[in-house]
Amino acid sequence: MIVFTSQSVKQTEYLGEKIASVLKGCEVIAMFGDLGAGKTAFTRGLAKGLGFSDGVSSPTFAIVNEYVGKFNIYHFDMYRIKSEDDLYSTGFYDYLDNGVLIIEWSENIEYALDSNTIRIKINKTDDENTRVFTIEGLDEYEDIIT
């Protein structure tokens, strides 16, 4: 498990870039965290690290945004997903193994995540700018990421 403390949006984006540097192209990254935790900022950095910098936004209403960089990037928002039928209707399973999937609100689809999923928990602190990231599934890259 890797623990990273970010004290700004810029550091959160930088963490995303660092993680992007170790990806091979078919990973599933599940993010867990409250509203305003920094999930989209992290995704912005990850997309930039994979060569996409045209603008990343939360796919709240679209459910999934697609970006093309070094790999295809599929940015999901699972906030409104409440059942297996809901998840299936998003096309989620069709995207697996076709690029990097980065998922906001993974709490809602934990049942669909396999053991190879990279899990990132983001916790707010008393300081409004500081976030603590707990990363599981990338331990072998700790020296690169931190």
C-alpha atoms as a PDB file:
ATOM      1  CA  MET A   1       0.000   0.000   0.000  1.00  0.00           C
ATOM      2  CA  ILE A   2       1.269   3.453  -0.943  1.00  0.00           C
ATOM      3  CA  VAL A   3       0.253   6.542   1.013  1.00  0.00           C
ATOM      4  CA  PHE A   4       0.656   9.941  -0.651  1.00  0.00           C
ATOM      5  CA  THR A   5      -0.299  13.280   0.878  1.00  0.00           C
ATOM      6  CA  SER A   6      -1.267  16.031  -1.537  1.00  0.00           C
ATOM      7  CA  GLN A   7      -1.433  19.614  -0.358  1.00  0.00           C
ATOM      8  CA  SER A   8      -2.795  21.123  -3.566  1.00  0.00           C
ATOM      9  CA  VAL A   9      -4.666  20.418  -6.785  1.00  0.00           C
ATOM     10  CA  LYS A  10      -1.336  20.658  -8.599  1.00  0.00           C
ATOM     11  CA  GLN A  11       0.156  17.885  -6.407  1.00  0.00           C
ATOM     12  CA  THR A  12      -2.954  15.743  -6.953  1.00  0.00           C
ATOM     13  CA  GLU A  13      -2.589  16.139 -10.716  1.00  0.00           C
ATOM     14  CA  TYR A  14       1.126  15.326 -10.409  1.00  0.00           C
ATOM     15  CA  LEU A  15       0.265  12.078  -8.597  1.00  0.00           C
ATOM     16  CA  GLY A  16      -2.016  11.171 -11.510  1.00  0.00           C
ATOM     17  CA  GLU A  17       0.838  11.836 -13.949  1.00  0.00           C
ATOM     18  CA  LYS A  18       3.229   9.657 -11.944  1.00  0.00           C
ATOM     19  CA  ILE A  19       0.771   6.774 -11.863  1.00  0.00           C
ATOM     20  CA  ALA A  20       0.161   7.171 -15.610  1.00  0.00           C
ATOM     21  CA  SER A  21       3.882   6.593 -16.164  1.00  0.00           C
ATOM     22  CA  VAL A  22       3.635   2.993 -14.911  1.00  0.00           C
ATOM     23  CA  LEU A  23       0.437   1.956 -16.683  1.00  0.00           C
ATOM     24  CA  LYS A  24       0.500  -0.662 -19.413  1.00  0.00           C
ATOM     25  CA  GLY A  25      -2.855   0.185 -21.032  1.00  0.00           C
ATOM     26  CA  CYS A  26      -5.618  -2.063 -19.704  1.00  0.00           C
ATOM     27  CA  GLU A  27      -5.809  -1.171 -16.026  1.00  0.00           C
ATOM     28  CA  VAL A  28      -8.922  -0.496 -14.015  1.00  0.00           C
ATOM     29  CA  ILE A  29      -8.441   2.283 -11.472  1.00  0.00           C
ATOM     30  CA  ALA A  30     -11.201   2.534  -8.889  1.00  0.00           C
ATOM     31  CA  MET A  31     -11.380   5.765  -6.908  1.00  0.00           C
ATOM     32  CA  PHE A  32     -13.185   6.072  -3.599  1.00  0.00           C
ATOM     33  CA  GLY A  33     -13.822   9.434  -1.959  1.00  0.00           C
ATOM     34  CA  ASP A  34     -16.364  12.040  -1.023  1.00  0.00           C
ATOM     35  CA  LEU A  35     -17.591  14.862  -3.218  1.00  0.00           C
ATOM     36  CA  GLY A  36     -14.752  17.331  -3.726  1.00  0.00           C
ATOM     37  CA  ALA A  37     -12.045  14.847  -2.707  1.00  0.00           C
ATOM     38  CA  GLY A  38     -10.020  15.378  -5.876  1.00  0.00           C
ATOM     39  CA  LYS A  39     -11.069  12.477  -8.107  1.00  0.00           C
ATOM     40  CA  THR A  40     -11.398  14.598 -11.241  1.00  0.00           C
ATOM     41  CA  ALA A  41      -8.158  16.494 -10.523  1.00  0.00           C
ATOM     42  CA  PHE A  42      -6.373  13.152 -10.193  1.00  0.00           C
ATOM     43  CA  THR A  43      -7.925  11.997 -13.485  1.00  0.00           C
ATOM     44  CA  ARG A  44      -6.826  15.227 -15.177  1.00  0.00           C
ATOM     45  CA  GLY A  45      -3.228  14.462 -14.170  1.00  0.00           C
ATOM     46  CA  LEU A  46      -3.509  10.835 -15.241  1.00  0.00           C
ATOM     47  CA  ALA A  47      -4.871  11.844 -18.657  1.00  0.00           C
ATOM     48  CA  LYS A  48      -2.100  14.410 -19.050  1.00  0.00           C
ATOM     49  CA  GLY A  49       0.470  11.751 -18.168  1.00  0.00           C
ATOM     50  CA  LEU A  50      -1.000   9.598 -20.946  1.00  0.00           C
ATOM     51  CA  GLY A  51      -0.765  12.420 -23.479  1.00  0.00           C
ATOM     52  CA  PHE A  52      -4.281  13.867 -23.311  1.00  0.00           C
ATOM     53  CA  SER A  53      -4.591  17.492 -22.234  1.00  0.00           C
ATOM     54  CA  ASP A  54      -7.637  18.844 -24.070  1.00  0.00           C
ATOM     55  CA  GLY A  55      -9.807  19.086 -20.976  1.00  0.00           C
ATOM     56  CA  VAL A  56     -10.997  16.512 -18.490  1.00  0.00           C
ATOM     57  CA  SER A  57     -14.276  16.922 -16.669  1.00  0.00           C
ATOM     58  CA  SER A  58     -16.353  14.726 -14.427  1.00  0.00           C
ATOM     59  CA  PRO A  59     -18.674  12.527 -16.487  1.00  0.00           C
ATOM     60  CA  THR A  60     -21.514  13.029 -14.002  1.00  0.00           C
ATOM     61  CA  PHE A  61     -24.292  13.229 -16.578  1.00  0.00           C
ATOM     62  CA  ALA A  62     -22.648  11.358 -19.439  1.00  0.00           C
ATOM     63  CA  ILE A  63     -21.624   8.398 -17.200  1.00  0.00           C
ATOM     64  CA  VAL A  64     -18.453   7.933 -19.278  1.00  0.00           C
ATOM     65  CA  ASN A  65     -16.087  10.316 -21.048  1.00  0.00           C
ATOM     66  CA  GLU A  66     -13.575   8.965 -23.531  1.00  0.00           C
ATOM     67  CA  TYR A  67     -10.133  10.461 -24.069  1.00  0.00           C
ATOM     68  CA  VAL A  68      -7.436   9.386 -26.489  1.00  0.00           C
ATOM     69  CA  GLY A  69      -3.813   9.524 -25.475  1.00  0.00           C
ATOM     70  CA  LYS A  70      -1.060   6.940 -25.314  1.00  0.00           C
ATOM     71  CA  PHE A  71      -3.914   4.555 -24.473  1.00  0.00           C
ATOM     72  CA  ASN A  72      -7.656   4.957 -24.667  1.00  0.00           C
ATOM     73  CA  ILE A  73      -8.924   6.373 -21.368  1.00  0.00           C
ATOM     74  CA  TYR A  74     -12.472   5.733 -20.185  1.00  0.00           C
ATOM     75  CA  HIS A  75     -13.489   8.001 -17.309  1.00  0.00           C
ATOM     76  CA  PHE A  76     -16.588   6.701 -15.543  1.00  0.00           C
ATOM     77  CA  ASP A  77     -18.808   8.322 -12.927  1.00  0.00           C
ATOM     78  CA  MET A  78     -20.764   5.641 -11.065  1.00  0.00           C
ATOM     79  CA  TYR A  79     -22.574   7.989  -8.679  1.00  0.00           C
ATOM     80  CA  ARG A  80     -26.011   7.135 -10.091  1.00  0.00           C
ATOM     81  CA  ILE A  81     -25.356   3.395 -10.511  1.00  0.00           C
ATOM     82  CA  LYS A  82     -27.389   1.478  -7.957  1.00  0.00           C
ATOM     83  CA  SER A  83     -27.631  -2.065  -9.355  1.00  0.00           C
ATOM     84  CA  GLU A  84     -25.981  -4.612 -11.624  1.00  0.00           C
ATOM     85  CA  ASP A  85     -28.575  -3.765 -14.295  1.00  0.00           C
ATOM     86  CA  ASP A  86     -27.630  -0.083 -14.068  1.00  0.00           C
ATOM     87  CA  LEU A  87     -23.952  -0.958 -14.421  1.00  0.00           C
ATOM     88  CA  TYR A  88     -24.600  -3.246 -17.361  1.00  0.00           C
ATOM     89  CA  SER A  89     -26.565  -0.501 -19.140  1.00  0.00           C
ATOM     90  CA  THR A  90     -23.508   1.814 -19.022  1.00  0.00           C
ATOM     91  CA  GLY A  91     -21.560  -0.570 -21.251  1.00  0.00           C
ATOM     92  CA  PHE A  92     -18.932  -0.870 -18.514  1.00  0.00           C
ATOM     93  CA  TYR A  93     -18.108  -4.496 -19.290  1.00  0.00           C
ATOM     94  CA  ASP A  94     -17.512  -3.678 -22.962  1.00  0.00           C
ATOM     95  CA  TYR A  95     -14.765  -1.227 -22.016  1.00  0.00           C
ATOM     96  CA  LEU A  96     -12.735  -3.726 -19.966  1.00  0.00           C
ATOM     97  CA  ASP A  97      -9.412  -4.642 -21.606  1.00  0.00           C
ATOM     98  CA  ASN A  98      -9.830  -1.869 -24.189  1.00  0.00           C
ATOM     99  CA  GLY A  99      -7.934   0.874 -22.406  1.00  0.00           C
ATOM    100  CA  VAL A 100      -7.452   2.423 -19.001  1.00  0.00           C
ATOM    101  CA  LEU A 101     -10.679   2.662 -17.009  1.00  0.00           C
ATOM    102  CA  ILE A 102     -10.742   5.256 -14.262  1.00  0.00           C
ATOM    103  CA  ILE A 103     -13.842   5.147 -12.119  1.00  0.00           C
ATOM    104  CA  GLU A 104     -15.259   7.797  -9.809  1.00  0.00           C
ATOM    105  CA  TRP A 105     -17.670   6.647  -7.093  1.00  0.00           C
ATOM    106  CA  SER A 106     -16.381   3.068  -7.171  1.00  0.00           C
ATOM    107  CA  GLU A 107     -18.165   2.481  -3.883  1.00  0.00           C
ATOM    108  CA  ASN A 108     -21.281   1.868  -5.960  1.00  0.00           C
ATOM    109  CA  ILE A 109     -19.785  -0.937  -8.061  1.00  0.00           C
ATOM    110  CA  GLU A 110     -17.373  -2.637  -5.676  1.00  0.00           C
ATOM    111  CA  TYR A 111     -19.022  -5.983  -6.504  1.00  0.00           C
ATOM    112  CA  ALA A 112     -17.856  -5.658 -10.132  1.00  0.00           C
ATOM    113  CA  LEU A 113     -14.184  -4.935  -9.377  1.00  0.00           C
ATOM    114  CA  ASP A 114     -11.752  -7.820  -9.589  1.00  0.00           C
ATOM    115  CA  SER A 115      -8.610  -8.445  -7.565  1.00  0.00           C
ATOM    116  CA  ASN A 116      -6.368  -6.756 -10.175  1.00  0.00           C
ATOM    117  CA  THR A 117      -8.139  -3.429  -9.793  1.00  0.00           C
ATOM    118  CA  ILE A 118      -5.977  -0.531  -8.626  1.00  0.00           C
ATOM    119  CA  ARG A 119      -7.807   1.010  -5.686  1.00  0.00           C
ATOM    120  CA  ILE A 120      -7.291   4.636  -4.685  1.00  0.00           C
ATOM    121  CA  LYS A 121      -8.960   5.951  -1.552  1.00  0.00           C
ATOM    122  CA  ILE A 122      -8.939   9.712  -1.155  1.00  0.00           C
ATOM    123  CA  ASN A 123      -9.568  11.216   2.253  1.00  0.00           C
ATOM    124  CA  LYS A 124     -10.075  14.880   3.010  1.00  0.00           C
ATOM    125  CA  THR A 125      -8.369  16.376   6.043  1.00  0.00           C
ATOM    126  CA  ASP A 126      -9.077  19.340   8.295  1.00  0.00           C
ATOM    127  CA  ASP A 127      -6.993  21.443   5.897  1.00  0.00           C
ATOM    128  CA  GLU A 128      -9.267  22.151   2.921  1.00  0.00           C
ATOM    129  CA  ASN A 129      -6.380  21.713   0.447  1.00  0.00           C
ATOM    130  CA  THR A 130      -4.836  18.512   1.837  1.00  0.00           C
ATOM    131  CA  ARG A 131      -5.823  15.035   0.707  1.00  0.00           C
ATOM    132  CA  VAL A 132      -4.442  11.655   1.727  1.00  0.00           C
ATOM    133  CA  PHE A 133      -4.312   9.066  -1.055  1.00  0.00           C
ATOM    134  CA  THR A 134      -4.096   5.394  -0.147  1.00  0.00           C
ATOM    135  CA  ILE A 135      -3.167   3.365  -3.219  1.00  0.00           C
ATOM    136  CA  GLU A 136      -3.465  -0.405  -3.462  1.00  0.00           C
ATOM    137  CA  GLY A 137      -2.242  -2.456  -6.394  1.00  0.00           C
ATOM    138  CA  LEU A 138       0.871  -0.506  -7.382  1.00  0.00           C
ATOM    139  CA  ASP A 139       3.243  -1.384  -4.542  1.00  0.00           C
ATOM    140  CA  GLU A 140       6.044  -2.417  -6.925  1.00  0.00           C
ATOM    141  CA  TYR A 141       6.107   1.155  -8.276  1.00  0.00           C
ATOM    142  CA  GLU A 142       6.266   2.995  -4.952  1.00  0.00           C
ATOM    143  CA  ASP A 143       9.699   4.494  -5.711  1.00  0.00           C
ATOM    144  CA  ILE A 144       8.410   5.940  -8.990  1.00  0.00           C
ATOM    145  CA  ILE A 145       5.085   7.190  -7.655  1.00  0.00           C
ATOM    146  CA  THR A 146       6.216   8.874  -4.431  1.00  0.00           C
END
